[in-house]
PDB file of N, CA and C in Angstrom:
ATOM      1  N   UNK A   1      -3.042   1.387  22.244  1.00  0.00           N
ATOM      2  CA  UNK A   1      -2.892   1.496  20.788  1.00  0.00           C
ATOM      3  C   UNK A   1      -4.265   1.461  20.203  1.00  0.00           C
ATOM      4  N   UNK A   2      -4.586   2.510  19.436  1.00  0.00           N
ATOM      5  CA  UNK A   2      -5.891   2.551  18.793  1.00  0.00           C
ATOM      6  C   UNK A   2      -5.833   2.293  17.269  1.00  0.00           C
ATOM      7  N   UNK A   3      -6.960   2.458  16.654  1.00  0.00           N
ATOM      8  CA  UNK A   3      -7.056   2.090  15.206  1.00  0.00           C
ATOM      9  C   UNK A   3      -6.133   2.964  14.352  1.00  0.00           C
ATOM     10  N   UNK A   4      -5.782   4.142  14.833  1.00  0.00           N
ATOM     11  CA  UNK A   4      -4.855   5.021  14.083  1.00  0.00           C
ATOM     12  C   UNK A   4      -3.493   4.435  13.874  1.00  0.00           C
ATOM     13  N   UNK A   5      -3.122   3.419  14.696  1.00  0.00           N
ATOM     14  CA  UNK A   5      -1.866   2.824  14.601  1.00  0.00           C
ATOM     15  C   UNK A   5      -1.676   1.962  13.315  1.00  0.00           C
ATOM     16  N   UNK A   6      -2.748   1.598  12.624  1.00  0.00           N
ATOM     17  CA  UNK A   6      -2.655   0.772  11.431  1.00  0.00           C
ATOM     18  C   UNK A   6      -2.707   1.651  10.174  1.00  0.00           C
ATOM     19  N   UNK A   7      -2.708   2.943  10.308  1.00  0.00           N
ATOM     20  CA  UNK A   7      -2.837   3.857   9.184  1.00  0.00           C
ATOM     21  C   UNK A   7      -1.553   4.643   8.936  1.00  0.00           C
ATOM     22  N   UNK A   8      -1.153   4.679   7.669  1.00  0.00           N
ATOM     23  CA  UNK A   8       0.058   5.437   7.233  1.00  0.00           C
ATOM     24  C   UNK A   8      -0.316   6.339   6.072  1.00  0.00           C
ATOM     25  N   UNK A   9       0.332   7.488   5.985  1.00  0.00           N
ATOM     26  CA  UNK A   9       0.137   8.366   4.875  1.00  0.00           C
ATOM     27  C   UNK A   9       1.293   8.135   3.873  1.00  0.00           C
ATOM     28  N   UNK A  10       0.969   8.216   2.561  1.00  0.00           N
ATOM     29  CA  UNK A  10       1.997   8.108   1.521  1.00  0.00           C
ATOM     30  C   UNK A  10       2.459   9.488   1.102  1.00  0.00           C
ATOM     31  N   UNK A  11       3.525   9.564   0.380  1.00  0.00           N
ATOM     32  CA  UNK A  11       4.012  10.812  -0.133  1.00  0.00           C
ATOM     33  C   UNK A  11       3.066  11.470  -1.120  1.00  0.00           C
ATOM     34  N   UNK A  12       2.313  10.611  -1.838  1.00  0.00           N
ATOM     35  CA  UNK A  12       1.344  11.060  -2.807  1.00  0.00           C
ATOM     36  C   UNK A  12       0.045  11.577  -2.207  1.00  0.00           C
ATOM     37  N   UNK A  13      -0.091  11.366  -0.888  1.00  0.00           N
ATOM     38  CA  UNK A  13      -1.256  11.898  -0.155  1.00  0.00           C
ATOM     39  C   UNK A  13      -2.331  10.806   0.062  1.00  0.00           C
ATOM     40  N   UNK A  14      -2.107   9.601  -0.544  1.00  0.00           N
ATOM     41  CA  UNK A  14      -3.003   8.493  -0.290  1.00  0.00           C
ATOM     42  C   UNK A  14      -2.743   7.903   1.084  1.00  0.00           C
ATOM     43  N   UNK A  15      -3.611   7.005   1.526  1.00  0.00           N
ATOM     44  CA  UNK A  15      -3.520   6.403   2.830  1.00  0.00           C
ATOM     45  C   UNK A  15      -3.357   4.851   2.685  1.00  0.00           C
ATOM     46  N   UNK A  16      -2.437   4.319   3.441  1.00  0.00           N
ATOM     47  CA  UNK A  16      -2.205   2.825   3.508  1.00  0.00           C
ATOM     48  C   UNK A  16      -2.694   2.299   4.821  1.00  0.00           C
ATOM     49  N   UNK A  17      -3.441   1.230   4.813  1.00  0.00           N
ATOM     50  CA  UNK A  17      -3.979   0.589   6.037  1.00  0.00           C
ATOM     51  C   UNK A  17      -3.444  -0.843   6.131  1.00  0.00           C
ATOM     52  N   UNK A  18      -2.932  -1.217   7.271  1.00  0.00           N
ATOM     53  CA  UNK A  18      -2.558  -2.633   7.526  1.00  0.00           C
ATOM     54  C   UNK A  18      -3.804  -3.364   7.940  1.00  0.00           C
ATOM     55  N   UNK A  19      -4.101  -4.489   7.219  1.00  0.00           N
ATOM     56  CA  UNK A  19      -5.266  -5.264   7.523  1.00  0.00           C
ATOM     57  C   UNK A  19      -4.905  -6.731   7.662  1.00  0.00           C
ATOM     58  N   UNK A  20      -5.807  -7.473   8.329  1.00  0.00           N
ATOM     59  CA  UNK A  20      -5.772  -8.921   8.387  1.00  0.00           C
ATOM     60  C   UNK A  20      -7.080  -9.420   7.782  1.00  0.00           C
ATOM     61  N   UNK A  21      -6.984 -10.319   6.842  1.00  0.00           N
ATOM     62  CA  UNK A  21      -8.158 -10.835   6.116  1.00  0.00           C
ATOM     63  C   UNK A  21      -8.555 -12.165   6.665  1.00  0.00           C
ATOM     64  N   UNK A  22      -9.895 -12.321   6.820  1.00  0.00           N
ATOM     65  CA  UNK A  22     -10.477 -13.611   7.219  1.00  0.00           C
ATOM     66  C   UNK A  22     -11.311 -14.119   6.099  1.00  0.00           C
ATOM     67  N   UNK A  23     -10.686 -14.885   5.141  1.00  0.00           N
ATOM     68  CA  UNK A  23     -11.428 -15.357   3.984  1.00  0.00           C
ATOM     69  C   UNK A  23     -12.342 -16.504   4.350  1.00  0.00           C
ATOM     70  N   UNK A  24     -13.396 -16.750   3.517  1.00  0.00           N
ATOM     71  CA  UNK A  24     -14.264 -17.839   3.748  1.00  0.00           C
ATOM     72  C   UNK A  24     -15.162 -17.633   5.015  1.00  0.00           C
ATOM     73  N   UNK A  25     -15.381 -16.380   5.395  1.00  0.00           N
ATOM     74  CA  UNK A  25     -16.170 -16.076   6.528  1.00  0.00           C
ATOM     75  C   UNK A  25     -17.664 -16.112   6.214  1.00  0.00           C
ATOM     76  N   UNK A  26     -18.526 -16.252   7.264  1.00  0.00           N
ATOM     77  CA  UNK A  26     -19.933 -16.233   6.990  1.00  0.00           C
ATOM     78  C   UNK A  26     -20.449 -14.781   6.870  1.00  0.00           C
ATOM     79  N   UNK A  27     -19.646 -13.818   7.151  1.00  0.00           N
ATOM     80  CA  UNK A  27     -20.063 -12.423   7.080  1.00  0.00           C
ATOM     81  C   UNK A  27     -18.976 -11.628   6.310  1.00  0.00           C
ATOM     82  N   UNK A  28     -19.293 -10.384   5.943  1.00  0.00           N
ATOM     83  CA  UNK A  28     -18.358  -9.530   5.236  1.00  0.00           C
ATOM     84  C   UNK A  28     -18.321  -8.171   5.901  1.00  0.00           C
ATOM     85  N   UNK A  29     -17.143  -7.606   5.928  1.00  0.00           N
ATOM     86  CA  UNK A  29     -16.982  -6.232   6.439  1.00  0.00           C
ATOM     87  C   UNK A  29     -15.852  -6.155   7.469  1.00  0.00           C
ATOM     88  N   UNK A  30     -15.765  -5.019   8.091  1.00  0.00           N
ATOM     89  CA  UNK A  30     -14.763  -4.776   9.109  1.00  0.00           C
ATOM     90  C   UNK A  30     -15.279  -5.412  10.405  1.00  0.00           C
ATOM     91  N   UNK A  31     -14.548  -6.357  10.965  1.00  0.00           N
ATOM     92  CA  UNK A  31     -15.061  -7.095  12.153  1.00  0.00           C
ATOM     93  C   UNK A  31     -14.318  -6.743  13.411  1.00  0.00           C
ATOM     94  N   UNK A  32     -13.299  -5.907  13.359  1.00  0.00           N
ATOM     95  CA  UNK A  32     -12.582  -5.549  14.547  1.00  0.00           C
ATOM     96  C   UNK A  32     -11.237  -4.984  14.262  1.00  0.00           C
ATOM     97  N   UNK A  33     -10.465  -4.804  15.369  1.00  0.00           N
ATOM     98  CA  UNK A  33      -9.138  -4.292  15.305  1.00  0.00           C
ATOM     99  C   UNK A  33      -8.229  -5.145  16.238  1.00  0.00           C
ATOM    100  N   UNK A  34      -7.181  -5.729  15.707  1.00  0.00           N
ATOM    101  CA  UNK A  34      -6.307  -6.534  16.493  1.00  0.00           C
ATOM    102  C   UNK A  34      -5.239  -5.641  17.123  1.00  0.00           C
ATOM    103  N   UNK A  35      -5.394  -5.364  18.399  1.00  0.00           N
ATOM    104  CA  UNK A  35      -4.457  -4.437  19.073  1.00  0.00           C
ATOM    105  C   UNK A  35      -3.027  -5.002  19.167  1.00  0.00           C
ATOM    106  N   UNK A  36      -2.876  -6.303  19.282  1.00  0.00           N
ATOM    107  CA  UNK A  36      -1.567  -6.906  19.346  1.00  0.00           C
ATOM    108  C   UNK A  36      -0.774  -6.695  18.101  1.00  0.00           C
ATOM    109  N   UNK A  37      -1.422  -6.914  16.979  1.00  0.00           N
ATOM    110  CA  UNK A  37      -0.751  -6.752  15.668  1.00  0.00           C
ATOM    111  C   UNK A  37      -0.873  -5.396  15.105  1.00  0.00           C
ATOM    112  N   UNK A  38      -1.776  -4.581  15.616  1.00  0.00           N
ATOM    113  CA  UNK A  38      -2.034  -3.234  15.052  1.00  0.00           C
ATOM    114  C   UNK A  38      -2.613  -3.339  13.661  1.00  0.00           C
ATOM    115  N   UNK A  39      -3.550  -4.236  13.451  1.00  0.00           N
ATOM    116  CA  UNK A  39      -4.154  -4.416  12.134  1.00  0.00           C
ATOM    117  C   UNK A  39      -5.669  -4.427  12.225  1.00  0.00           C
ATOM    118  N   UNK A  40      -6.257  -3.867  11.202  1.00  0.00           N
ATOM    119  CA  UNK A  40      -7.747  -3.858  11.049  1.00  0.00           C
ATOM    120  C   UNK A  40      -8.108  -5.236  10.540  1.00  0.00           C
ATOM    121  N   UNK A  41      -9.175  -5.834  11.148  1.00  0.00           N
ATOM    122  CA  UNK A  41      -9.617  -7.176  10.736  1.00  0.00           C
ATOM    123  C   UNK A  41     -10.804  -7.039   9.753  1.00  0.00           C
ATOM    124  N   UNK A  42     -10.640  -7.664   8.572  1.00  0.00           N
ATOM    125  CA  UNK A  42     -11.651  -7.608   7.524  1.00  0.00           C
ATOM    126  C   UNK A  42     -12.108  -9.039   7.176  1.00  0.00           C
ATOM    127  N   UNK A  43     -13.341  -9.336   7.254  1.00  0.00           N
ATOM    128  CA  UNK A  43     -13.869 -10.641   6.906  1.00  0.00           C
ATOM    129  C   UNK A  43     -14.553 -10.561   5.531  1.00  0.00           C
ATOM    130  N   UNK A  44     -14.321 -11.592   4.696  1.00  0.00           N
ATOM    131  CA  UNK A  44     -14.978 -11.694   3.385  1.00  0.00           C
ATOM    132  C   UNK A  44     -15.438 -13.112   3.174  1.00  0.00           C
ATOM    133  N   UNK A  45     -16.548 -13.280   2.442  1.00  0.00           N
ATOM    134  CA  UNK A  45     -17.078 -14.575   2.141  1.00  0.00           C
ATOM    135  C   UNK A  45     -16.322 -15.323   1.150  1.00  0.00           C
ATOM    136  N   UNK A  46     -15.581 -14.640   0.266  1.00  0.00           N
ATOM    137  CA  UNK A  46     -14.781 -15.285  -0.793  1.00  0.00           C
ATOM    138  C   UNK A  46     -13.664 -16.112  -0.223  1.00  0.00           C
ATOM    139  N   UNK A  47     -13.350 -17.217  -0.892  1.00  0.00           N
ATOM    140  CA  UNK A  47     -12.256 -18.058  -0.511  1.00  0.00           C
ATOM    141  C   UNK A  47     -10.955 -17.456  -1.010  1.00  0.00           C
ATOM    142  N   UNK A  48      -9.825 -17.828  -0.354  1.00  0.00           N
ATOM    143  CA  UNK A  48      -8.485 -17.327  -0.720  1.00  0.00           C
ATOM    144  C   UNK A  48      -7.927 -18.161  -1.839  1.00  0.00           C
ATOM    145  N   UNK A  49      -8.489 -17.984  -3.045  1.00  0.00           N
ATOM    146  CA  UNK A  49      -7.980 -18.686  -4.210  1.00  0.00           C
ATOM    147  C   UNK A  49      -8.078 -17.830  -5.407  1.00  0.00           C
ATOM    148  N   UNK A  50      -7.049 -17.762  -6.197  1.00  0.00           N
ATOM    149  CA  UNK A  50      -7.038 -17.040  -7.477  1.00  0.00           C
ATOM    150  C   UNK A  50      -7.453 -15.554  -7.287  1.00  0.00           C
ATOM    151  N   UNK A  51      -7.070 -14.957  -6.179  1.00  0.00           N
ATOM    152  CA  UNK A  51      -7.342 -13.500  -5.961  1.00  0.00           C
ATOM    153  C   UNK A  51      -8.738 -13.156  -5.626  1.00  0.00           C
ATOM    154  N   UNK A  52      -9.606 -14.155  -5.354  1.00  0.00           N
ATOM    155  CA  UNK A  52     -11.043 -13.870  -5.051  1.00  0.00           C
ATOM    156  C   UNK A  52     -11.127 -13.070  -3.758  1.00  0.00           C
ATOM    157  N   UNK A  53     -10.388 -13.469  -2.775  1.00  0.00           N
ATOM    158  CA  UNK A  53     -10.496 -12.764  -1.458  1.00  0.00           C
ATOM    159  C   UNK A  53      -9.946 -11.332  -1.563  1.00  0.00           C
ATOM    160  N   UNK A  54      -8.872 -11.133  -2.326  1.00  0.00           N
ATOM    161  CA  UNK A  54      -8.341  -9.786  -2.522  1.00  0.00           C
ATOM    162  C   UNK A  54      -9.340  -8.916  -3.204  1.00  0.00           C
ATOM    163  N   UNK A  55     -10.024  -9.444  -4.221  1.00  0.00           N
ATOM    164  CA  UNK A  55     -11.084  -8.692  -4.930  1.00  0.00           C
ATOM    165  C   UNK A  55     -12.215  -8.338  -3.990  1.00  0.00           C
ATOM    166  N   UNK A  56     -12.616  -9.289  -3.173  1.00  0.00           N
ATOM    167  CA  UNK A  56     -13.728  -9.069  -2.221  1.00  0.00           C
ATOM    168  C   UNK A  56     -13.340  -8.024  -1.210  1.00  0.00           C
ATOM    169  N   UNK A  57     -12.097  -8.069  -0.703  1.00  0.00           N
ATOM    170  CA  UNK A  57     -11.619  -7.072   0.240  1.00  0.00           C
ATOM    171  C   UNK A  57     -11.727  -5.668  -0.365  1.00  0.00           C
ATOM    172  N   UNK A  58     -11.242  -5.508  -1.605  1.00  0.00           N
ATOM    173  CA  UNK A  58     -11.303  -4.198  -2.272  1.00  0.00           C
ATOM    174  C   UNK A  58     -12.782  -3.768  -2.401  1.00  0.00           C
ATOM    175  N   UNK A  59     -13.653  -4.655  -2.791  1.00  0.00           N
ATOM    176  CA  UNK A  59     -15.070  -4.301  -2.956  1.00  0.00           C
ATOM    177  C   UNK A  59     -15.678  -3.854  -1.648  1.00  0.00           C
ATOM    178  N   UNK A  60     -15.495  -4.657  -0.594  1.00  0.00           N
ATOM    179  CA  UNK A  60     -16.087  -4.378   0.700  1.00  0.00           C
ATOM    180  C   UNK A  60     -15.587  -3.029   1.225  1.00  0.00           C
ATOM    181  N   UNK A  61     -14.233  -2.776   1.180  1.00  0.00           N
ATOM    182  CA  UNK A  61     -13.713  -1.541   1.739  1.00  0.00           C
ATOM    183  C   UNK A  61     -14.023  -0.352   0.861  1.00  0.00           C
ATOM    184  N   UNK A  62     -14.110  -0.510  -0.469  1.00  0.00           N
ATOM    185  CA  UNK A  62     -14.444   0.622  -1.273  1.00  0.00           C
ATOM    186  C   UNK A  62     -15.877   1.077  -1.037  1.00  0.00           C
ATOM    187  N   UNK A  63     -16.777   0.159  -0.691  1.00  0.00           N
ATOM    188  CA  UNK A  63     -18.142   0.525  -0.290  1.00  0.00           C
ATOM    189  C   UNK A  63     -18.168   1.308   1.043  1.00  0.00           C
ATOM    190  N   UNK A  64     -17.393   0.798   1.979  1.00  0.00           N
ATOM    191  CA  UNK A  64     -17.347   1.430   3.328  1.00  0.00           C
ATOM    192  C   UNK A  64     -16.791   2.826   3.232  1.00  0.00           C
ATOM    193  N   UNK A  65     -15.669   3.005   2.497  1.00  0.00           N
ATOM    194  CA  UNK A  65     -14.999   4.286   2.457  1.00  0.00           C
ATOM    195  C   UNK A  65     -15.464   5.148   1.246  1.00  0.00           C
ATOM    196  N   UNK A  66     -16.269   4.625   0.368  1.00  0.00           N
ATOM    197  CA  UNK A  66     -16.705   5.329  -0.869  1.00  0.00           C
ATOM    198  C   UNK A  66     -15.532   5.903  -1.601  1.00  0.00           C
ATOM    199  N   UNK A  67     -14.478   5.135  -1.726  1.00  0.00           N
ATOM    200  CA  UNK A  67     -13.250   5.505  -2.458  1.00  0.00           C
ATOM    201  C   UNK A  67     -12.620   4.270  -3.048  1.00  0.00           C
ATOM    202  N   UNK A  68     -11.801   4.470  -4.097  1.00  0.00           N
ATOM    203  CA  UNK A  68     -11.104   3.296  -4.719  1.00  0.00           C
ATOM    204  C   UNK A  68     -10.128   2.731  -3.716  1.00  0.00           C
ATOM    205  N   UNK A  69     -10.026   1.378  -3.680  1.00  0.00           N
ATOM    206  CA  UNK A  69      -9.211   0.654  -2.788  1.00  0.00           C
ATOM    207  C   UNK A  69      -8.405  -0.373  -3.578  1.00  0.00           C
ATOM    208  N   UNK A  70      -7.061  -0.465  -3.305  1.00  0.00           N
ATOM    209  CA  UNK A  70      -6.235  -1.470  -3.991  1.00  0.00           C
ATOM    210  C   UNK A  70      -5.316  -2.114  -2.966  1.00  0.00           C
ATOM    211  N   UNK A  71      -5.011  -3.387  -3.219  1.00  0.00           N
ATOM    212  CA  UNK A  71      -4.045  -4.128  -2.410  1.00  0.00           C
ATOM    213  C   UNK A  71      -2.619  -3.824  -2.924  1.00  0.00           C
ATOM    214  N   UNK A  72      -1.805  -3.217  -2.005  1.00  0.00           N
ATOM    215  CA  UNK A  72      -0.459  -2.827  -2.449  1.00  0.00           C
ATOM    216  C   UNK A  72       0.607  -3.829  -2.024  1.00  0.00           C
ATOM    217  N   UNK A  73       0.337  -4.685  -0.977  1.00  0.00           N
ATOM    218  CA  UNK A  73       1.255  -5.736  -0.671  1.00  0.00           C
ATOM    219  C   UNK A  73       0.492  -6.837   0.070  1.00  0.00           C
ATOM    220  N   UNK A  74       1.061  -8.062   0.028  1.00  0.00           N
ATOM    221  CA  UNK A  74       0.401  -9.173   0.710  1.00  0.00           C
ATOM    222  C   UNK A  74      -0.641  -9.878  -0.144  1.00  0.00           C
ATOM    223  N   UNK A  75      -0.435  -9.913  -1.460  1.00  0.00           N
ATOM    224  CA  UNK A  75      -1.418 -10.521  -2.345  1.00  0.00           C
ATOM    225  C   UNK A  75      -1.726 -12.012  -1.991  1.00  0.00           C
ATOM    226  N   UNK A  76      -0.719 -12.761  -1.457  1.00  0.00           N
ATOM    227  CA  UNK A  76      -0.953 -14.164  -1.135  1.00  0.00           C
ATOM    228  C   UNK A  76      -0.923 -14.407   0.368  1.00  0.00           C
ATOM    229  N   UNK A  77      -1.108 -13.376   1.170  1.00  0.00           N
ATOM    230  CA  UNK A  77      -1.054 -13.490   2.620  1.00  0.00           C
ATOM    231  C   UNK A  77      -2.322 -12.935   3.206  1.00  0.00           C
ATOM    232  N   UNK A  78      -2.637 -13.392   4.419  1.00  0.00           N
ATOM    233  CA  UNK A  78      -3.772 -12.841   5.137  1.00  0.00           C
ATOM    234  C   UNK A  78      -3.487 -11.411   5.651  1.00  0.00           C
ATOM    235  N   UNK A  79      -2.238 -11.104   5.810  1.00  0.00           N
ATOM    236  CA  UNK A  79      -1.792  -9.802   6.256  1.00  0.00           C
ATOM    237  C   UNK A  79      -1.477  -8.958   4.980  1.00  0.00           C
ATOM    238  N   UNK A  80      -2.197  -7.843   4.867  1.00  0.00           N
ATOM    239  CA  UNK A  80      -2.081  -7.010   3.608  1.00  0.00           C
ATOM    240  C   UNK A  80      -1.980  -5.555   3.981  1.00  0.00           C
ATOM    241  N   UNK A  81      -1.484  -4.841   3.025  1.00  0.00           N
ATOM    242  CA  UNK A  81      -1.525  -3.369   3.052  1.00  0.00           C
ATOM    243  C   UNK A  81      -2.411  -2.931   1.888  1.00  0.00           C
ATOM    244  N   UNK A  82      -3.378  -2.139   2.226  1.00  0.00           N
ATOM    245  CA  UNK A  82      -4.277  -1.644   1.195  1.00  0.00           C
ATOM    246  C   UNK A  82      -4.194  -0.101   1.093  1.00  0.00           C
ATOM    247  N   UNK A  83      -4.385   0.404  -0.094  1.00  0.00           N
ATOM    248  CA  UNK A  83      -4.318   1.867  -0.344  1.00  0.00           C
ATOM    249  C   UNK A  83      -5.704   2.387  -0.597  1.00  0.00           C
ATOM    250  N   UNK A  84      -6.017   3.509   0.074  1.00  0.00           N
ATOM    251  CA  UNK A  84      -7.290   4.080  -0.142  1.00  0.00           C
ATOM    252  C   UNK A  84      -7.015   5.486  -0.738  1.00  0.00           C
ATOM    253  N   UNK A  85      -7.670   5.745  -1.890  1.00  0.00           N
ATOM    254  CA  UNK A  85      -7.428   7.014  -2.570  1.00  0.00           C
ATOM    255  C   UNK A  85      -8.517   8.024  -2.220  1.00  0.00           C
ATOM    256  N   UNK A  86      -8.097   9.315  -2.113  1.00  0.00           N
ATOM    257  CA  UNK A  86      -9.041  10.410  -1.991  1.00  0.00           C
ATOM    258  C   UNK A  86      -9.543  10.698  -0.605  1.00  0.00           C
ATOM    259  N   UNK A  87      -9.072  10.035   0.398  1.00  0.00           N
ATOM    260  CA  UNK A  87      -9.478  10.343   1.803  1.00  0.00           C
ATOM    261  C   UNK A  87      -8.211  10.627   2.618  1.00  0.00           C
ATOM    262  N   UNK A  88      -8.362  11.456   3.594  1.00  0.00           N
ATOM    263  CA  UNK A  88      -7.258  11.734   4.541  1.00  0.00           C
ATOM    264  C   UNK A  88      -7.340  10.761   5.724  1.00  0.00           C
ATOM    265  N   UNK A  89      -6.215  10.619   6.393  1.00  0.00           N
ATOM    266  CA  UNK A  89      -6.138   9.715   7.510  1.00  0.00           C
ATOM    267  C   UNK A  89      -7.224  10.015   8.606  1.00  0.00           C
ATOM    268  N   UNK A  90      -7.439  11.290   8.915  1.00  0.00           N
ATOM    269  CA  UNK A  90      -8.422  11.579   9.944  1.00  0.00           C
ATOM    270  C   UNK A  90      -9.843  11.253   9.534  1.00  0.00           C
ATOM    271  N   UNK A  91     -10.166  11.304   8.232  1.00  0.00           N
ATOM    272  CA  UNK A  91     -11.437  10.939   7.761  1.00  0.00           C
ATOM    273  C   UNK A  91     -11.639   9.398   7.853  1.00  0.00           C
ATOM    274  N   UNK A  92     -10.601   8.664   7.572  1.00  0.00           N
ATOM    275  CA  UNK A  92     -10.629   7.184   7.685  1.00  0.00           C
ATOM    276  C   UNK A  92     -10.761   6.796   9.156  1.00  0.00           C
ATOM    277  N   UNK A  93     -10.001   7.426   9.997  1.00  0.00           N
ATOM    278  CA  UNK A  93     -10.101   7.139  11.503  1.00  0.00           C
ATOM    279  C   UNK A  93     -11.490   7.380  11.947  1.00  0.00           C
ATOM    280  N   UNK A  94     -12.128   8.455  11.531  1.00  0.00           N
ATOM    281  CA  UNK A  94     -13.476   8.755  11.943  1.00  0.00           C
ATOM    282  C   UNK A  94     -14.493   7.715  11.510  1.00  0.00           C
ATOM    283  N   UNK A  95     -14.335   7.225  10.274  1.00  0.00           N
ATOM    284  CA  UNK A  95     -15.199   6.182   9.750  1.00  0.00           C
ATOM    285  C   UNK A  95     -15.003   4.885  10.555  1.00  0.00           C
ATOM    286  N   UNK A  96     -13.757   4.545  10.767  1.00  0.00           N
ATOM    287  CA  UNK A  96     -13.439   3.292  11.480  1.00  0.00           C
ATOM    288  C   UNK A  96     -13.896   3.325  12.906  1.00  0.00           C
ATOM    289  N   UNK A  97     -13.742   4.424  13.624  1.00  0.00           N
ATOM    290  CA  UNK A  97     -14.183   4.517  14.976  1.00  0.00           C
ATOM    291  C   UNK A  97     -15.684   4.359  15.114  1.00  0.00           C
ATOM    292  N   UNK A  98     -16.417   4.769  14.053  1.00  0.00           N
ATOM    293  CA  UNK A  98     -17.878   4.579  14.015  1.00  0.00           C
ATOM    294  C   UNK A  98     -18.245   3.072  13.825  1.00  0.00           C
ATOM    295  N   UNK A  99     -17.356   2.286  13.216  1.00  0.00           N
ATOM    296  CA  UNK A  99     -17.647   0.910  12.912  1.00  0.00           C
ATOM    297  C   UNK A  99     -17.169  -0.064  13.980  1.00  0.00           C
ATOM    298  N   UNK A 100     -16.070   0.297  14.678  1.00  0.00           N
ATOM    299  CA  UNK A 100     -15.439  -0.646  15.623  1.00  0.00           C
ATOM    300  C   UNK A 100     -15.797  -0.265  17.018  1.00  0.00           C
ATOM    301  N   UNK A 101     -16.292  -1.257  17.781  1.00  0.00           N
ATOM    302  CA  UNK A 101     -16.611  -0.987  19.171  1.00  0.00           C
ATOM    303  C   UNK A 101     -15.332  -1.086  19.989  1.00  0.00           C
ATOM    304  N   UNK A 102     -15.173  -0.138  20.886  1.00  0.00           N
ATOM    305  CA  UNK A 102     -13.992  -0.119  21.749  1.00  0.00           C
ATOM    306  C   UNK A 102     -14.085  -1.096  22.874  1.00  0.00           C
TER     307      UNK A 102
END
């Protein structure tokens, strides 16, 4: 199972990605892919309080993908679904494969 397993296309043409967030980390960014859960692992320095980690996740991923990113589910959970606008699934997979070591 590869990174493409965490990516879904919406009817509107946007892309949804399943992620696991590691709040309060010493680093920020995409730190790996959990093959057991089929989720992209994203670390942020912000703590999980009052939406700070969600905001940090959106900022970090919008910089990586150069596109708007929003949390569509899992606002109070480490397991989230995020929506990326303006990119196709194959473009996202290409970016992720360049960031994640196999």
